[in-house]
């Protein structure tokens, strides 16, 4: 909820890349950001 309207997640299949566009950043957005992939039976960080 706190990032709705400010952040956008997208993917580029050709580049095998996922993006997170973050706009109107606030001090409370300060953190370590991790990417996660869910496959069949397991996940990766």
ModelCIF file with pLDDT and N, C-alpha, C, O atoms, coordinates in Angstrom:
data_MODEL
#
_entry.id   MODEL 
#
_entity.id                         1 
_entity.type                       polymer 
_entity.pdbx_number_of_molecules   1 
#
_entity_poly.entity_id                      1 
_entity_poly.type                           'polypeptide(L)' 
_entity_poly.nstd_linkage                   no 
_entity_poly.nstd_monomer                   no 
_entity_poly.pdbx_seq_one_letter_code       
;(UNK)(UNK)(UNK)(UNK)(UNK)(UNK)(UNK)(UNK)(UNK)(UNK)(UNK)(UNK)(UNK)(UNK)(UNK)(UNK)
(UNK)(UNK)(UNK)(UNK)(UNK)(UNK)(UNK)(UNK)(UNK)(UNK)(UNK)(UNK)(UNK)(UNK)(UNK)(UNK)
(UNK)(UNK)(UNK)(UNK)(UNK)(UNK)(UNK)(UNK)(UNK)(UNK)(UNK)(UNK)(UNK)
;
_entity_poly.pdbx_seq_one_letter_code_can   XXXXXXXXXXXXXXXXXXXXXXXXXXXXXXXXXXXXXXXXXXXXX 
_entity_poly.pdbx_strand_id                 A 
#
loop_
_entity_poly_seq.entity_id 
_entity_poly_seq.num 
_entity_poly_seq.mon_id 
_entity_poly_seq.hetero 
1 1  UNK n 
1 2  UNK n 
1 3  UNK n 
1 4  UNK n 
1 5  UNK n 
1 6  UNK n 
1 7  UNK n 
1 8  UNK n 
1 9  UNK n 
1 10 UNK n 
1 11 UNK n 
1 12 UNK n 
1 13 UNK n 
1 14 UNK n 
1 15 UNK n 
1 16 UNK n 
1 17 UNK n 
1 18 UNK n 
1 19 UNK n 
1 20 UNK n 
1 21 UNK n 
1 22 UNK n 
1 23 UNK n 
1 24 UNK n 
1 25 UNK n 
1 26 UNK n 
1 27 UNK n 
1 28 UNK n 
1 29 UNK n 
1 30 UNK n 
1 31 UNK n 
1 32 UNK n 
1 33 UNK n 
1 34 UNK n 
1 35 UNK n 
1 36 UNK n 
1 37 UNK n 
1 38 UNK n 
1 39 UNK n 
1 40 UNK n 
1 41 UNK n 
1 42 UNK n 
1 43 UNK n 
1 44 UNK n 
1 45 UNK n 
#
_struct_asym.id          A 
_struct_asym.entity_id   1 
#
loop_
_ma_qa_metric.id 
_ma_qa_metric.mode 
_ma_qa_metric.name 
_ma_qa_metric.software_group_id 
_ma_qa_metric.type 
1 global pLDDT . pLDDT 
2 local  pLDDT . pLDDT 
#
_ma_qa_metric_global.metric_id      1 
_ma_qa_metric_global.metric_value   94.40 
_ma_qa_metric_global.model_id       1 
_ma_qa_metric_global.ordinal_id     1 
#
loop_
_ma_qa_metric_local.label_asym_id 
_ma_qa_metric_local.label_comp_id 
_ma_qa_metric_local.label_seq_id 
_ma_qa_metric_local.metric_id 
_ma_qa_metric_local.metric_value 
_ma_qa_metric_local.model_id 
_ma_qa_metric_local.ordinal_id 
A UNK 1  2 97.00 1 1  
A UNK 2  2 97.00 1 2  
A UNK 3  2 98.00 1 3  
A UNK 4  2 98.00 1 4  
A UNK 5  2 97.00 1 5  
A UNK 6  2 98.00 1 6  
A UNK 7  2 98.00 1 7  
A UNK 8  2 98.00 1 8  
A UNK 9  2 98.00 1 9  
A UNK 10 2 96.00 1 10 
A UNK 11 2 92.00 1 11 
A UNK 12 2 90.00 1 12 
A UNK 13 2 84.00 1 13 
A UNK 14 2 85.00 1 14 
A UNK 15 2 85.00 1 15 
A UNK 16 2 88.00 1 16 
A UNK 17 2 92.00 1 17 
A UNK 18 2 95.00 1 18 
A UNK 19 2 97.00 1 19 
A UNK 20 2 98.00 1 20 
A UNK 21 2 98.00 1 21 
A UNK 22 2 98.00 1 22 
A UNK 23 2 98.00 1 23 
A UNK 24 2 98.00 1 24 
A UNK 25 2 98.00 1 25 
A UNK 26 2 98.00 1 26 
A UNK 27 2 97.00 1 27 
A UNK 28 2 97.00 1 28 
A UNK 29 2 98.00 1 29 
A UNK 30 2 98.00 1 30 
A UNK 31 2 98.00 1 31 
A UNK 32 2 98.00 1 32 
A UNK 33 2 98.00 1 33 
A UNK 34 2 98.00 1 34 
A UNK 35 2 97.00 1 35 
A UNK 36 2 96.00 1 36 
A UNK 37 2 94.00 1 37 
A UNK 38 2 92.00 1 38 
A UNK 39 2 87.00 1 39 
A UNK 40 2 83.00 1 40 
A UNK 41 2 83.00 1 41 
A UNK 42 2 86.00 1 42 
A UNK 43 2 90.00 1 43 
A UNK 44 2 93.00 1 44 
A UNK 45 2 96.00 1 45 
#
loop_
_atom_site.group_PDB 
_atom_site.id 
_atom_site.type_symbol 
_atom_site.label_atom_id 
_atom_site.label_alt_id 
_atom_site.label_comp_id 
_atom_site.label_asym_id 
_atom_site.label_entity_id 
_atom_site.label_seq_id 
_atom_site.pdbx_PDB_ins_code 
_atom_site.Cartn_x 
_atom_site.Cartn_y 
_atom_site.Cartn_z 
_atom_site.occupancy 
_atom_site.B_iso_or_equiv 
_atom_site.pdbx_formal_charge 
_atom_site.auth_seq_id 
_atom_site.auth_comp_id 
_atom_site.auth_asym_id 
_atom_site.auth_atom_id 
_atom_site.pdbx_PDB_model_num 
ATOM 1   N N  . UNK A 1 1  ? 0.803  -1.231  0.000   1.00 97.00 ? 1  UNK A N  1 
ATOM 2   C CA . UNK A 1 1  ? 0.000  0.000   0.000   1.00 97.00 ? 1  UNK A CA 1 
ATOM 3   C C  . UNK A 1 1  ? 0.831  1.274   0.000   1.00 97.00 ? 1  UNK A C  1 
ATOM 4   O O  . UNK A 1 1  ? 0.479  2.238   -0.679  1.00 97.00 ? 1  UNK A O  1 
ATOM 5   N N  . UNK A 1 2  ? 1.917  1.294   0.742   1.00 97.00 ? 2  UNK A N  1 
ATOM 6   C CA . UNK A 1 2  ? 2.666  2.536   0.898   1.00 97.00 ? 2  UNK A CA 1 
ATOM 7   C C  . UNK A 1 2  ? 3.424  2.945   -0.368  1.00 97.00 ? 2  UNK A C  1 
ATOM 8   O O  . UNK A 1 2  ? 3.893  4.079   -0.460  1.00 97.00 ? 2  UNK A O  1 
ATOM 9   N N  . UNK A 1 3  ? 3.550  2.041   -1.344  1.00 98.00 ? 3  UNK A N  1 
ATOM 10  C CA . UNK A 1 3  ? 4.283  2.375   -2.559  1.00 98.00 ? 3  UNK A CA 1 
ATOM 11  C C  . UNK A 1 3  ? 3.372  2.492   -3.779  1.00 98.00 ? 3  UNK A C  1 
ATOM 12  O O  . UNK A 1 3  ? 3.838  2.832   -4.866  1.00 98.00 ? 3  UNK A O  1 
ATOM 13  N N  . UNK A 1 4  ? 2.092  2.215   -3.612  1.00 98.00 ? 4  UNK A N  1 
ATOM 14  C CA . UNK A 1 4  ? 1.165  2.311   -4.737  1.00 98.00 ? 4  UNK A CA 1 
ATOM 15  C C  . UNK A 1 4  ? 1.161  3.727   -5.308  1.00 98.00 ? 4  UNK A C  1 
ATOM 16  O O  . UNK A 1 4  ? 1.081  4.711   -4.573  1.00 98.00 ? 4  UNK A O  1 
ATOM 17  N N  . UNK A 1 5  ? 1.247  3.805   -6.617  1.00 97.00 ? 5  UNK A N  1 
ATOM 18  C CA . UNK A 1 5  ? 1.270  5.097   -7.281  1.00 97.00 ? 5  UNK A CA 1 
ATOM 19  C C  . UNK A 1 5  ? 2.651  5.712   -7.369  1.00 97.00 ? 5  UNK A C  1 
ATOM 20  O O  . UNK A 1 5  ? 2.842  6.705   -8.072  1.00 97.00 ? 5  UNK A O  1 
ATOM 21  N N  . UNK A 1 6  ? 3.630  5.133   -6.658  1.00 98.00 ? 6  UNK A N  1 
ATOM 22  C CA . UNK A 1 6  ? 4.998  5.672   -6.687  1.00 98.00 ? 6  UNK A CA 1 
ATOM 23  C C  . UNK A 1 6  ? 5.992  4.690   -7.315  1.00 98.00 ? 6  UNK A C  1 
ATOM 24  O O  . UNK A 1 6  ? 6.932  5.100   -7.997  1.00 98.00 ? 6  UNK A O  1 
ATOM 25  N N  . UNK A 1 7  ? 5.778  3.411   -7.083  1.00 98.00 ? 7  UNK A N  1 
ATOM 26  C CA . UNK A 1 7  ? 6.680  2.380   -7.591  1.00 98.00 ? 7  UNK A CA 1 
ATOM 27  C C  . UNK A 1 7  ? 6.007  1.593   -8.719  1.00 98.00 ? 7  UNK A C  1 
ATOM 28  O O  . UNK A 1 7  ? 4.793  1.388   -8.712  1.00 98.00 ? 7  UNK A O  1 
ATOM 29  N N  . UNK A 1 8  ? 6.809  1.163   -9.676  1.00 98.00 ? 8  UNK A N  1 
ATOM 30  C CA . UNK A 1 8  ? 6.307  0.342   -10.777 1.00 98.00 ? 8  UNK A CA 1 
ATOM 31  C C  . UNK A 1 8  ? 7.258  -0.816  -11.022 1.00 98.00 ? 8  UNK A C  1 
ATOM 32  O O  . UNK A 1 8  ? 8.456  -0.613  -11.219 1.00 98.00 ? 8  UNK A O  1 
ATOM 33  N N  . UNK A 1 9  ? 6.723  -2.031  -11.010 1.00 98.00 ? 9  UNK A N  1 
ATOM 34  C CA . UNK A 1 9  ? 7.516  -3.217  -11.321 1.00 98.00 ? 9  UNK A CA 1 
ATOM 35  C C  . UNK A 1 9  ? 7.254  -3.602  -12.774 1.00 98.00 ? 9  UNK A C  1 
ATOM 36  O O  . UNK A 1 9  ? 6.121  -3.544  -13.250 1.00 98.00 ? 9  UNK A O  1 
ATOM 37  N N  . UNK A 1 10 ? 8.316  -3.992  -13.466 1.00 96.00 ? 10 UNK A N  1 
ATOM 38  C CA . UNK A 1 10 ? 8.165  -4.387  -14.859 1.00 96.00 ? 10 UNK A CA 1 
ATOM 39  C C  . UNK A 1 10 ? 9.233  -5.422  -15.197 1.00 96.00 ? 10 UNK A C  1 
ATOM 40  O O  . UNK A 1 10 ? 10.176 -5.625  -14.432 1.00 96.00 ? 10 UNK A O  1 
ATOM 41  N N  . UNK A 1 11 ? 9.079  -6.070  -16.340 1.00 92.00 ? 11 UNK A N  1 
ATOM 42  C CA . UNK A 1 11 ? 10.061 -7.064  -16.741 1.00 92.00 ? 11 UNK A CA 1 
ATOM 43  C C  . UNK A 1 11 ? 10.350 -6.953  -18.231 1.00 92.00 ? 11 UNK A C  1 
ATOM 44  O O  . UNK A 1 11 ? 9.497  -6.551  -19.022 1.00 92.00 ? 11 UNK A O  1 
ATOM 45  N N  . UNK A 1 12 ? 11.552 -7.315  -18.585 1.00 90.00 ? 12 UNK A N  1 
ATOM 46  C CA . UNK A 1 12 ? 11.988 -7.340  -19.969 1.00 90.00 ? 12 UNK A CA 1 
ATOM 47  C C  . UNK A 1 12 ? 12.453 -8.769  -20.249 1.00 90.00 ? 12 UNK A C  1 
ATOM 48  O O  . UNK A 1 12 ? 13.568 -9.150  -19.891 1.00 90.00 ? 12 UNK A O  1 
ATOM 49  N N  . UNK A 1 13 ? 11.600 -9.543  -20.883 1.00 84.00 ? 13 UNK A N  1 
ATOM 50  C CA . UNK A 1 13 ? 11.927 -10.954 -21.125 1.00 84.00 ? 13 UNK A CA 1 
ATOM 51  C C  . UNK A 1 13 ? 13.155 -11.111 -22.012 1.00 84.00 ? 13 UNK A C  1 
ATOM 52  O O  . UNK A 1 13 ? 13.939 -12.044 -21.839 1.00 84.00 ? 13 UNK A O  1 
ATOM 53  N N  . UNK A 1 14 ? 13.314 -10.206 -22.953 1.00 85.00 ? 14 UNK A N  1 
ATOM 54  C CA . UNK A 1 14 ? 14.457 -10.304 -23.867 1.00 85.00 ? 14 UNK A CA 1 
ATOM 55  C C  . UNK A 1 14 ? 15.780 -10.101 -23.124 1.00 85.00 ? 14 UNK A C  1 
ATOM 56  O O  . UNK A 1 14 ? 16.799 -10.688 -23.487 1.00 85.00 ? 14 UNK A O  1 
ATOM 57  N N  . UNK A 1 15 ? 15.754 -9.265  -22.079 1.00 85.00 ? 15 UNK A N  1 
ATOM 58  C CA . UNK A 1 15 ? 16.957 -8.976  -21.307 1.00 85.00 ? 15 UNK A CA 1 
ATOM 59  C C  . UNK A 1 15 ? 17.043 -9.819  -20.036 1.00 85.00 ? 15 UNK A C  1 
ATOM 60  O O  . UNK A 1 15 ? 18.003 -9.692  -19.276 1.00 85.00 ? 15 UNK A O  1 
ATOM 61  N N  . UNK A 1 16 ? 16.050 -10.679 -19.796 1.00 88.00 ? 16 UNK A N  1 
ATOM 62  C CA . UNK A 1 16 ? 15.999 -11.473 -18.545 1.00 88.00 ? 16 UNK A CA 1 
ATOM 63  C C  . UNK A 1 16 ? 16.201 -10.574 -17.331 1.00 88.00 ? 16 UNK A C  1 
ATOM 64  O O  . UNK A 1 16 ? 16.999 -10.874 -16.443 1.00 88.00 ? 16 UNK A O  1 
ATOM 65  N N  . UNK A 1 17 ? 15.469 -9.478  -17.310 1.00 92.00 ? 17 UNK A N  1 
ATOM 66  C CA . UNK A 1 17 ? 15.654 -8.487  -16.251 1.00 92.00 ? 17 UNK A CA 1 
ATOM 67  C C  . UNK A 1 17 ? 14.301 -8.005  -15.738 1.00 92.00 ? 17 UNK A C  1 
ATOM 68  O O  . UNK A 1 17 ? 13.354 -7.821  -16.502 1.00 92.00 ? 17 UNK A O  1 
ATOM 69  N N  . UNK A 1 18 ? 14.239 -7.810  -14.447 1.00 95.00 ? 18 UNK A N  1 
ATOM 70  C CA . UNK A 1 18 ? 13.064 -7.227  -13.805 1.00 95.00 ? 18 UNK A CA 1 
ATOM 71  C C  . UNK A 1 18 ? 13.482 -5.899  -13.197 1.00 95.00 ? 18 UNK A C  1 
ATOM 72  O O  . UNK A 1 18 ? 14.577 -5.770  -12.651 1.00 95.00 ? 18 UNK A O  1 
ATOM 73  N N  . UNK A 1 19 ? 12.602 -4.917  -13.297 1.00 97.00 ? 19 UNK A N  1 
ATOM 74  C CA . UNK A 1 19 ? 12.913 -3.573  -12.835 1.00 97.00 ? 19 UNK A CA 1 
ATOM 75  C C  . UNK A 1 19 ? 11.947 -3.141  -11.735 1.00 97.00 ? 19 UNK A C  1 
ATOM 76  O O  . UNK A 1 19 ? 10.825 -3.637  -11.633 1.00 97.00 ? 19 UNK A O  1 
ATOM 77  N N  . UNK A 1 20 ? 12.415 -2.210  -10.925 1.00 98.00 ? 20 UNK A N  1 
ATOM 78  C CA . UNK A 1 20 ? 11.548 -1.519  -9.978  1.00 98.00 ? 20 UNK A CA 1 
ATOM 79  C C  . UNK A 1 20 ? 11.829 -0.024  -10.120 1.00 98.00 ? 20 UNK A C  1 
ATOM 80  O O  . UNK A 1 20 ? 12.854 0.471   -9.652  1.00 98.00 ? 20 UNK A O  1 
ATOM 81  N N  . UNK A 1 21 ? 10.922 0.676   -10.763 1.00 98.00 ? 21 UNK A N  1 
ATOM 82  C CA . UNK A 1 21 ? 11.030 2.125   -10.889 1.00 98.00 ? 21 UNK A CA 1 
ATOM 83  C C  . UNK A 1 21 ? 10.434 2.752   -9.637  1.00 98.00 ? 21 UNK A C  1 
ATOM 84  O O  . UNK A 1 21 ? 9.274  2.512   -9.302  1.00 98.00 ? 21 UNK A O  1 
ATOM 85  N N  . UNK A 1 22 ? 11.226 3.546   -8.960  1.00 98.00 ? 22 UNK A N  1 
ATOM 86  C CA . UNK A 1 22 ? 10.789 4.154   -7.698  1.00 98.00 ? 22 UNK A CA 1 
ATOM 87  C C  . UNK A 1 22 ? 10.815 5.664   -7.839  1.00 98.00 ? 22 UNK A C  1 
ATOM 88  O O  . UNK A 1 22 ? 11.874 6.260   -8.033  1.00 98.00 ? 22 UNK A O  1 
ATOM 89  N N  . UNK A 1 23 ? 9.656  6.275   -7.741  1.00 98.00 ? 23 UNK A N  1 
ATOM 90  C CA . UNK A 1 23 ? 9.525  7.730   -7.844  1.00 98.00 ? 23 UNK A CA 1 
ATOM 91  C C  . UNK A 1 23 ? 9.026  8.304   -6.517  1.00 98.00 ? 23 UNK A C  1 
ATOM 92  O O  . UNK A 1 23 ? 8.530  7.576   -5.657  1.00 98.00 ? 23 UNK A O  1 
ATOM 93  N N  . UNK A 1 24 ? 9.166  9.601   -6.371  1.00 98.00 ? 24 UNK A N  1 
ATOM 94  C CA . UNK A 1 24 ? 8.697  10.307  -5.165  1.00 98.00 ? 24 UNK A CA 1 
ATOM 95  C C  . UNK A 1 24 ? 9.186  9.597   -3.906  1.00 98.00 ? 24 UNK A C  1 
ATOM 96  O O  . UNK A 1 24 ? 8.411  9.340   -2.985  1.00 98.00 ? 24 UNK A O  1 
ATOM 97  N N  . UNK A 1 25 ? 10.458 9.290   -3.876  1.00 98.00 ? 25 UNK A N  1 
ATOM 98  C CA . UNK A 1 25 ? 11.012 8.528   -2.759  1.00 98.00 ? 25 UNK A CA 1 
ATOM 99  C C  . UNK A 1 25 ? 10.942 9.302   -1.450  1.00 98.00 ? 25 UNK A C  1 
ATOM 100 O O  . UNK A 1 25 ? 11.087 10.523  -1.413  1.00 98.00 ? 25 UNK A O  1 
ATOM 101 N N  . UNK A 1 26 ? 10.716 8.552   -0.384  1.00 98.00 ? 26 UNK A N  1 
ATOM 102 C CA . UNK A 1 26 ? 10.592 9.117   0.957   1.00 98.00 ? 26 UNK A CA 1 
ATOM 103 C C  . UNK A 1 26 ? 11.672 8.509   1.862   1.00 98.00 ? 26 UNK A C  1 
ATOM 104 O O  . UNK A 1 26 ? 12.180 7.426   1.574   1.00 98.00 ? 26 UNK A O  1 
ATOM 105 N N  . UNK A 1 27 ? 12.020 9.191   2.936   1.00 97.00 ? 27 UNK A N  1 
ATOM 106 C CA . UNK A 1 27 ? 13.018 8.624   3.857   1.00 97.00 ? 27 UNK A CA 1 
ATOM 107 C C  . UNK A 1 27 ? 12.638 7.227   4.355   1.00 97.00 ? 27 UNK A C  1 
ATOM 108 O O  . UNK A 1 27 ? 13.508 6.387   4.587   1.00 97.00 ? 27 UNK A O  1 
ATOM 109 N N  . UNK A 1 28 ? 11.346 6.986   4.514   1.00 97.00 ? 28 UNK A N  1 
ATOM 110 C CA . UNK A 1 28 ? 10.906 5.675   4.997   1.00 97.00 ? 28 UNK A CA 1 
ATOM 111 C C  . UNK A 1 28 ? 11.061 4.572   3.956   1.00 97.00 ? 28 UNK A C  1 
ATOM 112 O O  . UNK A 1 28 ? 10.822 3.404   4.263   1.00 97.00 ? 28 UNK A O  1 
ATOM 113 N N  . UNK A 1 29 ? 11.454 4.914   2.738   1.00 98.00 ? 29 UNK A N  1 
ATOM 114 C CA . UNK A 1 29 ? 11.759 3.905   1.726   1.00 98.00 ? 29 UNK A CA 1 
ATOM 115 C C  . UNK A 1 29 ? 13.184 3.381   1.874   1.00 98.00 ? 29 UNK A C  1 
ATOM 116 O O  . UNK A 1 29 ? 13.576 2.439   1.185   1.00 98.00 ? 29 UNK A O  1 
ATOM 117 N N  . UNK A 1 30 ? 13.946 3.979   2.755   1.00 98.00 ? 30 UNK A N  1 
ATOM 118 C CA . UNK A 1 30 ? 15.326 3.543   2.976   1.00 98.00 ? 30 UNK A CA 1 
ATOM 119 C C  . UNK A 1 30 ? 15.359 2.103   3.468   1.00 98.00 ? 30 UNK A C  1 
ATOM 120 O O  . UNK A 1 30 ? 14.726 1.764   4.468   1.00 98.00 ? 30 UNK A O  1 
ATOM 121 N N  . UNK A 1 31 ? 16.101 1.261   2.758   1.00 98.00 ? 31 UNK A N  1 
ATOM 122 C CA . UNK A 1 31 ? 16.162 -0.160  3.083   1.00 98.00 ? 31 UNK A CA 1 
ATOM 123 C C  . UNK A 1 31 ? 17.117 -0.848  2.120   1.00 98.00 ? 31 UNK A C  1 
ATOM 124 O O  . UNK A 1 31 ? 17.579 -0.253  1.146   1.00 98.00 ? 31 UNK A O  1 
ATOM 125 N N  . UNK A 1 32 ? 17.402 -2.103  2.407   1.00 98.00 ? 32 UNK A N  1 
ATOM 126 C CA . UNK A 1 32 ? 18.052 -2.967  1.424   1.00 98.00 ? 32 UNK A CA 1 
ATOM 127 C C  . UNK A 1 32 ? 16.937 -3.623  0.624   1.00 98.00 ? 32 UNK A C  1 
ATOM 128 O O  . UNK A 1 32 ? 16.017 -4.213  1.191   1.00 98.00 ? 32 UNK A O  1 
ATOM 129 N N  . UNK A 1 33 ? 17.025 -3.517  -0.689  1.00 98.00 ? 33 UNK A N  1 
ATOM 130 C CA . UNK A 1 33 ? 16.014 -4.063  -1.576  1.00 98.00 ? 33 UNK A CA 1 
ATOM 131 C C  . UNK A 1 33 ? 16.528 -5.371  -2.187  1.00 98.00 ? 33 UNK A C  1 
ATOM 132 O O  . UNK A 1 33 ? 17.647 -5.447  -2.695  1.00 98.00 ? 33 UNK A O  1 
ATOM 133 N N  . UNK A 1 34 ? 15.675 -6.395  -2.119  1.00 98.00 ? 34 UNK A N  1 
ATOM 134 C CA . UNK A 1 34 ? 16.036 -7.733  -2.593  1.00 98.00 ? 34 UNK A CA 1 
ATOM 135 C C  . UNK A 1 34 ? 15.102 -8.165  -3.725  1.00 98.00 ? 34 UNK A C  1 
ATOM 136 O O  . UNK A 1 34 ? 13.896 -7.920  -3.689  1.00 98.00 ? 34 UNK A O  1 
ATOM 137 N N  . UNK A 1 35 ? 15.674 -8.792  -4.695  1.00 97.00 ? 35 UNK A N  1 
ATOM 138 C CA . UNK A 1 35 ? 14.919 -9.408  -5.772  1.00 97.00 ? 35 UNK A CA 1 
ATOM 139 C C  . UNK A 1 35 ? 14.649 -10.862 -5.398  1.00 97.00 ? 35 UNK A C  1 
ATOM 140 O O  . UNK A 1 35 ? 15.489 -11.523 -4.787  1.00 97.00 ? 35 UNK A O  1 
ATOM 141 N N  . UNK A 1 36 ? 13.465 -11.355 -5.773  1.00 96.00 ? 36 UNK A N  1 
ATOM 142 C CA . UNK A 1 36 ? 13.085 -12.724 -5.452  1.00 96.00 ? 36 UNK A CA 1 
ATOM 143 C C  . UNK A 1 36 ? 12.406 -13.344 -6.667  1.00 96.00 ? 36 UNK A C  1 
ATOM 144 O O  . UNK A 1 36 ? 11.571 -12.715 -7.317  1.00 96.00 ? 36 UNK A O  1 
ATOM 145 N N  . UNK A 1 37 ? 12.774 -14.578 -6.960  1.00 94.00 ? 37 UNK A N  1 
ATOM 146 C CA . UNK A 1 37 ? 12.165 -15.323 -8.057  1.00 94.00 ? 37 UNK A CA 1 
ATOM 147 C C  . UNK A 1 37 ? 11.501 -16.575 -7.511  1.00 94.00 ? 37 UNK A C  1 
ATOM 148 O O  . UNK A 1 37 ? 12.120 -17.342 -6.773  1.00 94.00 ? 37 UNK A O  1 
ATOM 149 N N  . UNK A 1 38 ? 10.244 -16.781 -7.874  1.00 92.00 ? 38 UNK A N  1 
ATOM 150 C CA . UNK A 1 38 ? 9.507  -17.980 -7.478  1.00 92.00 ? 38 UNK A CA 1 
ATOM 151 C C  . UNK A 1 38 ? 9.428  -18.917 -8.668  1.00 92.00 ? 38 UNK A C  1 
ATOM 152 O O  . UNK A 1 38 ? 8.822  -18.606 -9.693  1.00 92.00 ? 38 UNK A O  1 
ATOM 153 N N  . UNK A 1 39 ? 10.059 -20.075 -8.504  1.00 87.00 ? 39 UNK A N  1 
ATOM 154 C CA . UNK A 1 39 ? 9.996  -21.093 -9.541  1.00 87.00 ? 39 UNK A CA 1 
ATOM 155 C C  . UNK A 1 39 ? 9.110  -22.241 -9.036  1.00 87.00 ? 39 UNK A C  1 
ATOM 156 O O  . UNK A 1 39 ? 8.517  -22.139 -7.962  1.00 87.00 ? 39 UNK A O  1 
ATOM 157 N N  . UNK A 1 40 ? 9.022  -23.299 -9.786  1.00 83.00 ? 40 UNK A N  1 
ATOM 158 C CA . UNK A 1 40 ? 8.219  -24.435 -9.355  1.00 83.00 ? 40 UNK A CA 1 
ATOM 159 C C  . UNK A 1 40 ? 8.993  -25.194 -8.278  1.00 83.00 ? 40 UNK A C  1 
ATOM 160 O O  . UNK A 1 40 ? 10.013 -25.824 -8.560  1.00 83.00 ? 40 UNK A O  1 
ATOM 161 N N  . UNK A 1 41 ? 8.498  -25.127 -7.049  1.00 83.00 ? 41 UNK A N  1 
ATOM 162 C CA . UNK A 1 41 ? 9.092  -25.890 -5.963  1.00 83.00 ? 41 UNK A CA 1 
ATOM 163 C C  . UNK A 1 41 ? 10.117 -25.166 -5.126  1.00 83.00 ? 41 UNK A C  1 
ATOM 164 O O  . UNK A 1 41 ? 10.468 -25.647 -4.049  1.00 83.00 ? 41 UNK A O  1 
ATOM 165 N N  . UNK A 1 42 ? 10.612 -24.031 -5.576  1.00 86.00 ? 42 UNK A N  1 
ATOM 166 C CA . UNK A 1 42 ? 11.603 -23.304 -4.775  1.00 86.00 ? 42 UNK A CA 1 
ATOM 167 C C  . UNK A 1 42 ? 11.676 -21.854 -5.216  1.00 86.00 ? 42 UNK A C  1 
ATOM 168 O O  . UNK A 1 42 ? 11.140 -21.463 -6.252  1.00 86.00 ? 42 UNK A O  1 
ATOM 169 N N  . UNK A 1 43 ? 12.371 -21.057 -4.378  1.00 90.00 ? 43 UNK A N  1 
ATOM 170 C CA . UNK A 1 43 ? 12.556 -19.646 -4.689  1.00 90.00 ? 43 UNK A CA 1 
ATOM 171 C C  . UNK A 1 43 ? 14.012 -19.262 -4.563  1.00 90.00 ? 43 UNK A C  1 
ATOM 172 O O  . UNK A 1 43 ? 14.795 -19.967 -3.927  1.00 90.00 ? 43 UNK A O  1 
ATOM 173 N N  . UNK A 1 44 ? 14.380 -18.140 -5.171  1.00 93.00 ? 44 UNK A N  1 
ATOM 174 C CA . UNK A 1 44 ? 15.760 -17.654 -5.142  1.00 93.00 ? 44 UNK A CA 1 
ATOM 175 C C  . UNK A 1 44 ? 15.782 -16.189 -4.749  1.00 93.00 ? 44 UNK A C  1 
ATOM 176 O O  . UNK A 1 44 ? 14.902 -15.414 -5.123  1.00 93.00 ? 44 UNK A O  1 
ATOM 177 N N  . UNK A 1 45 ? 16.804 -15.826 -3.989  1.00 96.00 ? 45 UNK A N  1 
ATOM 178 C CA . UNK A 1 45 ? 16.994 -14.438 -3.563  1.00 96.00 ? 45 UNK A CA 1 
ATOM 179 C C  . UNK A 1 45 ? 18.267 -13.879 -4.172  1.00 96.00 ? 45 UNK A C  1 
ATOM 180 O O  . UNK A 1 45 ? 18.607 -12.720 -3.934  1.00 96.00 ? 45 UNK A O  1 
#
